[in-house]
Amino acid sequence: MSIDRGDLHALLDRVPEGKLPVIRKMLLAVTIEFDVAPVAAEGEFTDVARREIEAAEAYFDNGGRGISHEEILREFALG
């Protein structure tokens, strides 16, 4: 799948105004030498960075809704 800047601009245009600060932080993190997404020597994301990226994608795939404390307690049979 080929992605160009136009594709990214089109996605950005669809982001609600209230979510722009979050998107800005994400883009800054990517542009500042992958400070929050370290890469291994071969240029691949480290396992930790990959898991963090997957968690962020899951968060947005879930409509930007995180997992509630109650859901966590239920998942681990603590509540």
Protein backbone atom coordinates (compact mmCIF):
# COMPACT_ATOMS: atom_id res chain seq x y z
CA MET A 1 0.00 0.00 0.00
CA SER A 2 1.48 3.30 -1.08
CA ILE A 3 0.85 6.32 1.11
CA ASP A 4 1.75 9.88 0.23
CA ARG A 5 1.42 13.17 2.09
CA GLY A 6 -1.91 13.84 0.38
CA ASP A 7 -3.37 10.72 2.00
CA LEU A 8 -2.21 11.91 5.41
CA HIS A 9 -3.56 15.40 4.83
CA ALA A 10 -6.93 13.91 3.87
CA LEU A 11 -6.98 11.93 7.12
CA LEU A 12 -6.00 14.99 9.11
CA ASP A 13 -8.86 16.94 7.55
CA ARG A 14 -11.27 14.34 8.98
CA VAL A 15 -10.00 14.70 12.56
CA PRO A 16 -12.45 16.58 14.80
CA GLU A 17 -11.12 19.90 16.13
CA GLY A 18 -11.15 18.60 19.70
CA LYS A 19 -8.77 15.76 18.80
CA LEU A 20 -6.17 17.94 17.08
CA PRO A 21 -4.03 18.43 20.21
CA VAL A 22 -3.67 14.66 20.56
CA ILE A 23 -2.80 14.25 16.89
CA ARG A 24 -0.25 17.06 17.17
CA LYS A 25 1.46 15.30 20.07
CA MET A 26 1.54 12.04 18.14
CA LEU A 27 3.05 13.70 15.08
CA LEU A 28 5.61 15.54 17.19
CA ALA A 29 6.61 12.27 18.82
CA VAL A 30 7.21 10.72 15.42
CA THR A 31 9.19 13.67 14.10
CA ILE A 32 11.47 14.10 17.11
CA GLU A 33 13.82 11.22 16.36
CA PHE A 34 11.34 8.58 17.50
CA ASP A 35 11.80 9.51 21.16
CA VAL A 36 8.65 7.60 22.09
CA ALA A 37 9.13 4.92 19.46
CA PRO A 38 12.74 3.79 19.63
CA VAL A 39 14.15 1.76 16.78
CA ALA A 40 16.56 -1.13 16.92
CA ALA A 41 19.88 -0.94 15.11
CA GLU A 42 18.32 -2.34 11.91
CA GLY A 43 15.80 0.51 11.76
CA GLU A 44 12.88 -1.62 12.96
CA PHE A 45 10.79 -0.60 15.94
CA THR A 46 11.77 -2.26 19.19
CA ASP A 47 9.30 -4.72 20.69
CA VAL A 48 8.30 -2.19 23.35
CA ALA A 49 7.73 0.54 20.77
CA ARG A 50 5.74 -1.84 18.56
CA ARG A 51 3.46 -2.77 21.50
CA GLU A 52 2.96 0.91 22.37
CA ILE A 53 2.07 1.72 18.78
CA GLU A 54 -0.35 -1.22 18.63
CA ALA A 55 -1.96 -0.03 21.87
CA ALA A 56 -2.36 3.48 20.44
CA GLU A 57 -3.89 2.06 17.26
CA ALA A 58 -6.30 -0.06 19.31
CA TYR A 59 -7.29 3.01 21.31
CA PHE A 60 -8.18 4.93 18.16
CA ASP A 61 -9.77 1.88 16.54
CA ASN A 62 -12.02 1.83 19.61
CA GLY A 63 -13.19 5.36 18.86
CA GLY A 64 -10.68 6.97 21.20
CA ARG A 65 -12.24 5.28 24.19
CA GLY A 66 -9.89 3.64 26.64
CA ILE A 67 -10.61 0.68 28.86
CA SER A 68 -12.43 1.61 32.03
CA HIS A 69 -11.18 0.62 35.45
CA GLU A 70 -14.29 -1.53 35.88
CA GLU A 71 -13.57 -3.42 32.65
CA ILE A 72 -10.03 -4.19 33.81
CA LEU A 73 -11.29 -5.44 37.15
CA ARG A 74 -13.86 -7.67 35.40
CA GLU A 75 -11.24 -9.02 33.00
CA PHE A 76 -9.07 -10.15 35.88
CA ALA A 77 -12.03 -11.27 38.02
CA LEU A 78 -11.26 -8.66 40.65
CA GLY A 79 -14.50 -6.76 40.61
